[in-house]
N, C-alpha and C. Protein backbone atom coordinates (compact mmCIF):
# COMPACT_ATOMS: atom_id res chain seq x y z
N VAL A 1 -3.48 14.93 -10.19
CA VAL A 1 -4.80 15.48 -9.87
C VAL A 1 -4.62 16.79 -9.12
N ALA A 2 -5.66 17.60 -9.18
CA ALA A 2 -5.69 18.85 -8.42
C ALA A 2 -7.02 18.90 -7.67
N PRO A 3 -6.98 19.00 -6.35
CA PRO A 3 -8.25 19.09 -5.60
C PRO A 3 -8.95 20.41 -5.90
N LEU A 4 -10.27 20.34 -5.89
CA LEU A 4 -11.09 21.52 -6.10
C LEU A 4 -11.83 21.79 -4.80
N LYS A 5 -11.70 22.99 -4.29
CA LYS A 5 -12.36 23.39 -3.04
C LYS A 5 -11.86 22.53 -1.87
N GLY A 6 -12.76 22.19 -0.97
CA GLY A 6 -12.49 21.27 0.12
C GLY A 6 -11.41 21.67 1.09
N THR A 7 -10.77 20.66 1.66
CA THR A 7 -9.79 20.91 2.72
C THR A 7 -8.56 21.70 2.25
N PRO A 8 -8.06 21.49 1.02
CA PRO A 8 -6.93 22.35 0.59
C PRO A 8 -7.33 23.82 0.54
N LEU A 9 -8.54 24.11 0.10
CA LEU A 9 -9.01 25.49 0.06
C LEU A 9 -9.20 26.03 1.48
N ALA A 10 -9.68 25.19 2.38
CA ALA A 10 -9.84 25.61 3.78
C ALA A 10 -8.49 26.00 4.38
N ARG A 11 -7.48 25.20 4.13
CA ARG A 11 -6.13 25.51 4.65
C ARG A 11 -5.60 26.78 4.01
N GLN A 12 -5.78 26.93 2.71
CA GLN A 12 -5.27 28.09 1.98
C GLN A 12 -5.96 29.39 2.41
N LEU A 13 -7.29 29.36 2.53
CA LEU A 13 -8.03 30.60 2.80
C LEU A 13 -8.29 30.87 4.28
N PHE A 14 -8.47 29.79 5.06
CA PHE A 14 -8.87 29.97 6.45
C PHE A 14 -7.83 29.50 7.46
N GLY A 15 -6.73 28.89 6.96
CA GLY A 15 -5.64 28.49 7.84
C GLY A 15 -5.79 27.15 8.51
N SER A 16 -6.88 26.43 8.26
CA SER A 16 -7.10 25.14 8.92
C SER A 16 -8.02 24.28 8.07
N VAL A 17 -7.73 22.98 8.01
CA VAL A 17 -8.59 22.07 7.24
C VAL A 17 -9.96 21.91 7.90
N SER A 18 -10.04 22.21 9.19
CA SER A 18 -11.32 22.07 9.89
C SER A 18 -12.17 23.34 9.80
N ALA A 19 -11.68 24.35 9.13
CA ALA A 19 -12.39 25.64 9.07
C ALA A 19 -13.47 25.68 8.00
N ARG A 20 -13.54 24.65 7.17
CA ARG A 20 -14.51 24.64 6.08
C ARG A 20 -15.11 23.25 5.96
N GLN A 21 -16.41 23.15 6.11
CA GLN A 21 -17.09 21.85 6.02
C GLN A 21 -17.10 21.37 4.57
N CYS A 22 -16.83 20.09 4.39
CA CYS A 22 -16.80 19.49 3.05
C CYS A 22 -17.77 18.33 2.99
N GLY A 23 -18.53 18.26 1.90
CA GLY A 23 -19.45 17.15 1.71
C GLY A 23 -18.83 16.03 0.92
N ASP A 24 -17.96 16.38 -0.01
CA ASP A 24 -17.28 15.38 -0.83
C ASP A 24 -15.93 15.94 -1.25
N ILE A 25 -15.19 15.12 -1.95
CA ILE A 25 -13.87 15.53 -2.43
C ILE A 25 -13.97 15.61 -3.95
N ASP A 26 -13.81 16.80 -4.47
CA ASP A 26 -13.81 17.01 -5.92
C ASP A 26 -12.37 17.11 -6.38
N MET A 27 -12.02 16.34 -7.42
CA MET A 27 -10.66 16.37 -7.93
C MET A 27 -10.68 16.53 -9.44
N LEU A 28 -9.81 17.40 -9.93
CA LEU A 28 -9.65 17.61 -11.36
C LEU A 28 -8.54 16.69 -11.85
N VAL A 29 -8.84 15.95 -12.90
CA VAL A 29 -7.90 14.99 -13.49
C VAL A 29 -7.83 15.30 -14.99
N PRO A 30 -6.65 15.31 -15.59
CA PRO A 30 -6.62 15.50 -17.04
C PRO A 30 -7.50 14.45 -17.72
N GLU A 31 -8.27 14.87 -18.70
CA GLU A 31 -9.24 13.96 -19.32
C GLU A 31 -8.58 12.67 -19.81
N ARG A 32 -7.37 12.76 -20.32
CA ARG A 32 -6.70 11.56 -20.83
C ARG A 32 -6.33 10.58 -19.71
N HIS A 33 -6.32 11.04 -18.45
CA HIS A 33 -5.98 10.17 -17.32
C HIS A 33 -7.21 9.80 -16.47
N TRP A 34 -8.38 10.25 -16.89
CA TRP A 34 -9.57 10.06 -16.08
C TRP A 34 -9.88 8.58 -15.84
N GLU A 35 -9.84 7.76 -16.87
CA GLU A 35 -10.14 6.32 -16.73
C GLU A 35 -9.18 5.64 -15.77
N VAL A 36 -7.90 6.00 -15.83
CA VAL A 36 -6.88 5.42 -14.94
C VAL A 36 -7.17 5.82 -13.49
N ALA A 37 -7.51 7.10 -13.27
CA ALA A 37 -7.83 7.57 -11.92
C ALA A 37 -9.08 6.88 -11.39
N TYR A 38 -10.08 6.74 -12.24
CA TYR A 38 -11.33 6.06 -11.85
C TYR A 38 -11.03 4.61 -11.46
N ALA A 39 -10.25 3.91 -12.28
CA ALA A 39 -9.91 2.52 -12.00
C ALA A 39 -9.12 2.40 -10.69
N ALA A 40 -8.22 3.34 -10.43
CA ALA A 40 -7.43 3.31 -9.19
C ALA A 40 -8.33 3.47 -7.97
N LEU A 41 -9.31 4.36 -8.04
CA LEU A 41 -10.24 4.54 -6.93
C LEU A 41 -11.11 3.30 -6.74
N ARG A 42 -11.57 2.69 -7.82
CA ARG A 42 -12.36 1.46 -7.72
C ARG A 42 -11.52 0.35 -7.08
N GLU A 43 -10.26 0.26 -7.45
CA GLU A 43 -9.35 -0.73 -6.87
C GLU A 43 -9.13 -0.48 -5.38
N ASP A 44 -9.22 0.78 -4.98
CA ASP A 44 -9.03 1.16 -3.58
C ASP A 44 -10.32 1.04 -2.76
N GLY A 45 -11.36 0.48 -3.36
CA GLY A 45 -12.58 0.22 -2.60
C GLY A 45 -13.71 1.20 -2.79
N TYR A 46 -13.55 2.16 -3.67
CA TYR A 46 -14.63 3.11 -3.95
C TYR A 46 -15.61 2.49 -4.93
N HIS A 47 -16.90 2.75 -4.69
CA HIS A 47 -17.96 2.20 -5.54
C HIS A 47 -18.85 3.33 -6.04
N PRO A 48 -19.38 3.20 -7.27
CA PRO A 48 -20.25 4.25 -7.78
C PRO A 48 -21.48 4.44 -6.90
N GLU A 49 -21.89 5.68 -6.76
CA GLU A 49 -23.07 6.01 -5.97
C GLU A 49 -24.31 5.78 -6.84
N PHE A 50 -25.01 4.71 -6.57
CA PHE A 50 -26.28 4.45 -7.24
C PHE A 50 -27.30 4.19 -6.16
N SER A 51 -28.42 4.85 -6.24
CA SER A 51 -29.51 4.54 -5.33
C SER A 51 -30.82 4.88 -6.02
N PRO A 52 -31.87 4.14 -5.72
CA PRO A 52 -33.16 4.41 -6.36
C PRO A 52 -33.68 5.82 -6.10
N SER A 53 -33.32 6.37 -4.93
CA SER A 53 -33.81 7.71 -4.61
C SER A 53 -32.99 8.81 -5.28
N ARG A 54 -31.79 8.49 -5.73
CA ARG A 54 -30.93 9.48 -6.39
C ARG A 54 -30.35 8.89 -7.67
N PRO A 55 -31.16 8.70 -8.69
CA PRO A 55 -30.62 8.13 -9.93
C PRO A 55 -29.61 9.09 -10.56
N ARG A 56 -28.55 8.53 -11.08
CA ARG A 56 -27.51 9.34 -11.71
C ARG A 56 -27.11 8.69 -13.04
N VAL A 57 -26.63 9.50 -13.91
CA VAL A 57 -26.03 8.96 -15.12
C VAL A 57 -24.58 8.65 -14.82
N ALA A 58 -23.99 7.75 -15.60
CA ALA A 58 -22.61 7.35 -15.32
C ALA A 58 -21.64 8.50 -15.51
N LYS A 59 -21.88 9.37 -16.47
CA LYS A 59 -21.00 10.51 -16.70
C LYS A 59 -21.84 11.74 -17.00
N HIS A 60 -21.44 12.85 -16.43
CA HIS A 60 -22.04 14.14 -16.76
C HIS A 60 -21.18 14.77 -17.86
N THR A 61 -21.44 16.01 -18.18
CA THR A 61 -20.66 16.64 -19.23
C THR A 61 -19.24 16.98 -18.79
N PHE A 62 -18.99 17.05 -17.47
CA PHE A 62 -17.64 17.43 -17.02
C PHE A 62 -17.15 16.67 -15.80
N HIS A 63 -17.92 15.73 -15.27
CA HIS A 63 -17.44 14.89 -14.16
C HIS A 63 -18.19 13.56 -14.15
N GLY A 64 -17.59 12.59 -13.47
CA GLY A 64 -18.21 11.28 -13.38
C GLY A 64 -19.14 11.18 -12.18
N ILE A 65 -19.77 10.05 -12.06
CA ILE A 65 -20.66 9.79 -10.94
C ILE A 65 -19.82 9.74 -9.65
N PRO A 66 -20.34 10.23 -8.55
CA PRO A 66 -19.56 10.16 -7.31
C PRO A 66 -19.22 8.72 -6.93
N LEU A 67 -18.04 8.55 -6.38
CA LEU A 67 -17.58 7.25 -5.89
C LEU A 67 -17.53 7.34 -4.37
N ARG A 68 -18.01 6.29 -3.70
CA ARG A 68 -18.08 6.31 -2.24
C ARG A 68 -17.34 5.11 -1.64
N ARG A 69 -16.81 5.35 -0.44
CA ARG A 69 -16.18 4.28 0.33
C ARG A 69 -16.36 4.62 1.81
N THR A 70 -16.62 3.59 2.61
CA THR A 70 -16.74 3.78 4.05
C THR A 70 -15.53 3.14 4.71
N THR A 71 -14.84 3.93 5.54
CA THR A 71 -13.66 3.47 6.26
C THR A 71 -13.82 3.85 7.72
N HIS A 72 -13.77 2.87 8.61
CA HIS A 72 -13.91 3.10 10.05
C HIS A 72 -15.17 3.90 10.37
N GLY A 73 -16.25 3.57 9.66
CA GLY A 73 -17.53 4.22 9.90
C GLY A 73 -17.68 5.60 9.30
N ILE A 74 -16.68 6.07 8.59
CA ILE A 74 -16.74 7.39 7.95
C ILE A 74 -16.88 7.20 6.45
N GLU A 75 -17.88 7.87 5.88
CA GLU A 75 -18.10 7.76 4.44
C GLU A 75 -17.35 8.85 3.70
N PHE A 76 -16.63 8.45 2.67
CA PHE A 76 -15.91 9.37 1.81
C PHE A 76 -16.53 9.33 0.43
N SER A 77 -16.68 10.47 -0.18
CA SER A 77 -17.24 10.57 -1.53
C SER A 77 -16.27 11.39 -2.38
N ILE A 78 -15.90 10.84 -3.53
CA ILE A 78 -14.99 11.52 -4.44
C ILE A 78 -15.69 11.70 -5.78
N GLU A 79 -15.54 12.88 -6.33
CA GLU A 79 -16.08 13.17 -7.65
C GLU A 79 -14.91 13.56 -8.54
N LEU A 80 -14.65 12.75 -9.57
CA LEU A 80 -13.56 13.02 -10.50
C LEU A 80 -14.05 13.90 -11.65
N HIS A 81 -13.45 15.07 -11.78
CA HIS A 81 -13.78 16.00 -12.86
C HIS A 81 -12.68 15.93 -13.91
N TRP A 82 -13.05 15.99 -15.17
CA TRP A 82 -12.06 16.14 -16.22
C TRP A 82 -12.13 17.56 -16.78
N MET A 83 -13.20 18.29 -16.41
CA MET A 83 -13.35 19.71 -16.75
C MET A 83 -13.92 20.42 -15.54
N LEU A 84 -13.81 21.75 -15.52
CA LEU A 84 -14.32 22.53 -14.41
C LEU A 84 -15.80 22.85 -14.52
N ASN A 85 -16.33 22.78 -15.72
CA ASN A 85 -17.72 23.17 -15.94
C ASN A 85 -18.25 22.55 -17.22
N ASP A 86 -19.52 22.75 -17.45
CA ASP A 86 -20.15 22.34 -18.69
C ASP A 86 -19.59 23.23 -19.81
N PRO A 87 -18.97 22.66 -20.83
CA PRO A 87 -18.33 23.47 -21.87
C PRO A 87 -19.30 24.31 -22.69
N ARG A 88 -20.59 24.08 -22.56
CA ARG A 88 -21.57 24.92 -23.27
C ARG A 88 -21.62 26.33 -22.69
N PHE A 89 -21.17 26.49 -21.44
CA PHE A 89 -21.30 27.78 -20.76
C PHE A 89 -20.02 28.59 -20.72
N VAL A 90 -18.89 27.93 -20.50
CA VAL A 90 -17.60 28.62 -20.43
C VAL A 90 -16.56 27.77 -21.12
N SER A 91 -15.77 28.39 -21.97
CA SER A 91 -14.71 27.69 -22.69
C SER A 91 -13.39 27.86 -21.93
N ILE A 92 -12.71 26.75 -21.67
CA ILE A 92 -11.45 26.77 -20.94
C ILE A 92 -10.40 26.02 -21.74
N ASP A 93 -9.22 26.59 -21.85
CA ASP A 93 -8.09 25.94 -22.51
C ASP A 93 -7.42 25.06 -21.46
N TYR A 94 -7.73 23.77 -21.47
CA TYR A 94 -7.24 22.87 -20.42
C TYR A 94 -5.74 22.59 -20.53
N GLY A 95 -5.17 22.69 -21.71
CA GLY A 95 -3.72 22.56 -21.84
C GLY A 95 -3.01 23.66 -21.06
N ARG A 96 -3.46 24.90 -21.25
CA ARG A 96 -2.89 26.03 -20.51
C ARG A 96 -3.21 25.94 -19.02
N LEU A 97 -4.42 25.50 -18.70
CA LEU A 97 -4.79 25.38 -17.28
C LEU A 97 -3.87 24.39 -16.58
N TRP A 98 -3.65 23.22 -17.18
CA TRP A 98 -2.79 22.22 -16.53
C TRP A 98 -1.35 22.71 -16.43
N ALA A 99 -0.89 23.48 -17.41
CA ALA A 99 0.46 24.06 -17.32
C ALA A 99 0.54 24.99 -16.11
N ARG A 100 -0.50 25.82 -15.90
CA ARG A 100 -0.52 26.72 -14.73
C ARG A 100 -0.66 25.93 -13.42
N ILE A 101 -1.43 24.86 -13.43
CA ILE A 101 -1.55 24.03 -12.23
C ILE A 101 -0.20 23.43 -11.87
N MET A 102 0.51 22.92 -12.86
CA MET A 102 1.82 22.30 -12.60
C MET A 102 2.82 23.34 -12.08
N ASP A 103 2.65 24.60 -12.45
CA ASP A 103 3.54 25.67 -11.98
C ASP A 103 3.17 26.18 -10.60
N SER A 104 2.00 25.81 -10.09
CA SER A 104 1.54 26.39 -8.82
C SER A 104 1.40 25.37 -7.72
N ARG A 105 2.30 24.42 -7.69
CA ARG A 105 2.29 23.39 -6.64
C ARG A 105 2.36 24.04 -5.26
N CYS A 106 1.56 23.54 -4.33
CA CYS A 106 1.55 24.07 -2.96
C CYS A 106 2.93 23.87 -2.34
N ALA A 107 3.45 24.91 -1.73
CA ALA A 107 4.82 24.88 -1.19
C ALA A 107 4.99 23.88 -0.06
N ASP A 108 3.97 23.72 0.79
CA ASP A 108 4.12 22.88 1.97
C ASP A 108 3.63 21.44 1.77
N THR A 109 3.15 21.10 0.58
CA THR A 109 2.69 19.74 0.32
C THR A 109 3.12 19.33 -1.09
N ALA A 110 2.89 18.07 -1.40
CA ALA A 110 3.17 17.58 -2.75
C ALA A 110 1.93 17.73 -3.63
N MET A 111 0.97 18.52 -3.18
CA MET A 111 -0.30 18.64 -3.85
C MET A 111 -0.29 19.77 -4.87
N TYR A 112 -0.99 19.55 -5.95
CA TYR A 112 -1.21 20.60 -6.94
C TYR A 112 -2.52 21.29 -6.61
N SER A 113 -2.68 22.52 -7.09
CA SER A 113 -3.94 23.22 -6.86
C SER A 113 -4.20 24.18 -8.00
N LEU A 114 -5.43 24.62 -8.08
CA LEU A 114 -5.77 25.63 -9.08
C LEU A 114 -5.11 26.94 -8.71
N PRO A 115 -4.55 27.65 -9.68
CA PRO A 115 -4.05 28.99 -9.38
C PRO A 115 -5.21 29.88 -8.91
N VAL A 116 -4.89 30.94 -8.21
CA VAL A 116 -5.90 31.79 -7.58
C VAL A 116 -6.95 32.29 -8.57
N GLU A 117 -6.51 32.77 -9.74
CA GLU A 117 -7.46 33.31 -10.72
C GLU A 117 -8.45 32.24 -11.18
N GLU A 118 -7.94 31.05 -11.46
CA GLU A 118 -8.79 29.96 -11.91
C GLU A 118 -9.71 29.48 -10.77
N MET A 119 -9.21 29.53 -9.53
CA MET A 119 -10.05 29.15 -8.39
C MET A 119 -11.24 30.10 -8.27
N LEU A 120 -11.00 31.39 -8.48
CA LEU A 120 -12.09 32.37 -8.44
C LEU A 120 -13.14 32.06 -9.50
N VAL A 121 -12.70 31.78 -10.72
CA VAL A 121 -13.63 31.44 -11.79
C VAL A 121 -14.38 30.16 -11.45
N TYR A 122 -13.66 29.16 -10.95
CA TYR A 122 -14.30 27.89 -10.61
C TYR A 122 -15.35 28.08 -9.51
N LEU A 123 -15.03 28.83 -8.47
CA LEU A 123 -15.99 29.06 -7.39
C LEU A 123 -17.23 29.78 -7.91
N ALA A 124 -17.04 30.75 -8.78
CA ALA A 124 -18.18 31.47 -9.36
C ALA A 124 -19.04 30.53 -10.19
N LEU A 125 -18.42 29.68 -11.00
CA LEU A 125 -19.17 28.72 -11.79
C LEU A 125 -19.90 27.73 -10.90
N HIS A 126 -19.23 27.30 -9.85
CA HIS A 126 -19.81 26.32 -8.93
C HIS A 126 -20.98 26.93 -8.15
N LEU A 127 -20.84 28.18 -7.80
CA LEU A 127 -21.89 28.89 -7.08
C LEU A 127 -23.18 28.91 -7.89
N ALA A 128 -23.05 29.12 -9.19
CA ALA A 128 -24.22 29.20 -10.06
C ALA A 128 -24.95 27.88 -10.22
N LYS A 129 -24.29 26.76 -9.98
CA LYS A 129 -24.93 25.46 -10.21
C LYS A 129 -25.56 24.84 -8.96
N HIS A 130 -25.39 25.47 -7.80
CA HIS A 130 -25.90 24.87 -6.56
C HIS A 130 -27.01 25.68 -5.92
N ASN A 131 -27.94 24.95 -5.33
CA ASN A 131 -29.00 25.58 -4.53
C ASN A 131 -28.66 25.54 -3.05
N SER A 132 -27.76 24.65 -2.65
CA SER A 132 -27.36 24.56 -1.25
C SER A 132 -25.88 24.84 -1.13
N GLY A 133 -25.44 25.25 0.04
CA GLY A 133 -24.04 25.53 0.27
C GLY A 133 -23.57 26.85 -0.31
N ARG A 134 -24.51 27.69 -0.71
CA ARG A 134 -24.13 28.96 -1.35
C ARG A 134 -23.38 29.89 -0.39
N LEU A 135 -23.79 29.94 0.86
CA LEU A 135 -23.12 30.82 1.80
C LEU A 135 -21.65 30.44 1.96
N ARG A 136 -21.36 29.14 2.01
CA ARG A 136 -19.98 28.68 2.10
C ARG A 136 -19.18 29.13 0.88
N LEU A 137 -19.77 28.99 -0.31
CA LEU A 137 -19.08 29.40 -1.53
C LEU A 137 -18.89 30.91 -1.60
N ILE A 138 -19.88 31.67 -1.15
CA ILE A 138 -19.75 33.13 -1.10
C ILE A 138 -18.63 33.52 -0.14
N ALA A 139 -18.56 32.84 1.01
CA ALA A 139 -17.48 33.11 1.97
C ALA A 139 -16.13 32.77 1.35
N ASP A 140 -16.06 31.69 0.58
CA ASP A 140 -14.81 31.32 -0.11
C ASP A 140 -14.38 32.42 -1.08
N VAL A 141 -15.33 32.89 -1.89
CA VAL A 141 -15.03 33.95 -2.86
C VAL A 141 -14.57 35.21 -2.12
N ASP A 142 -15.29 35.59 -1.07
CA ASP A 142 -14.93 36.78 -0.29
C ASP A 142 -13.52 36.66 0.27
N ARG A 143 -13.20 35.53 0.88
CA ARG A 143 -11.88 35.34 1.48
C ARG A 143 -10.79 35.32 0.41
N LEU A 144 -11.07 34.67 -0.72
CA LEU A 144 -10.10 34.59 -1.80
C LEU A 144 -9.78 35.99 -2.35
N VAL A 145 -10.82 36.77 -2.61
CA VAL A 145 -10.62 38.12 -3.15
C VAL A 145 -9.88 39.00 -2.15
N ASN A 146 -10.30 38.94 -0.88
CA ASN A 146 -9.64 39.77 0.13
C ASN A 146 -8.21 39.36 0.40
N GLN A 147 -7.94 38.07 0.38
CA GLN A 147 -6.59 37.59 0.68
C GLN A 147 -5.61 37.84 -0.46
N TYR A 148 -6.08 37.70 -1.70
CA TYR A 148 -5.17 37.79 -2.86
C TYR A 148 -5.34 39.08 -3.67
N ARG A 149 -6.38 39.86 -3.37
CA ARG A 149 -6.66 41.13 -4.03
C ARG A 149 -6.50 41.03 -5.52
């Protein structure tokens, strides 16, 4: 898996995991491994987010329903993506993307991440789909562009 945004991005762009507020954990998983990742999270105590006030479909065009778990009074929410966006809007070669992800493993962790160019595209796509949290995403784009030119 490769985390999208969140604490890895906070460490990369701002130098600290506490420098960027996160609402949930978004993770990119190869589509062929999505069911296995989903089952592993369910086995670890995560449950689909269903509530009468926030009805959701089981799967969107590029990610599943959020999974939630509460541990020591803290709620964690994970959203498993098999694509970065709705394929009707932007076409991405996921074979090439995963090859680049595998080549760009973070030096100080065992974690994979999106390469800088793909992170910029992802942040721009993500910015367009949200009505809230836009300032945080704009700050991410600004820091990414300034840091990596």
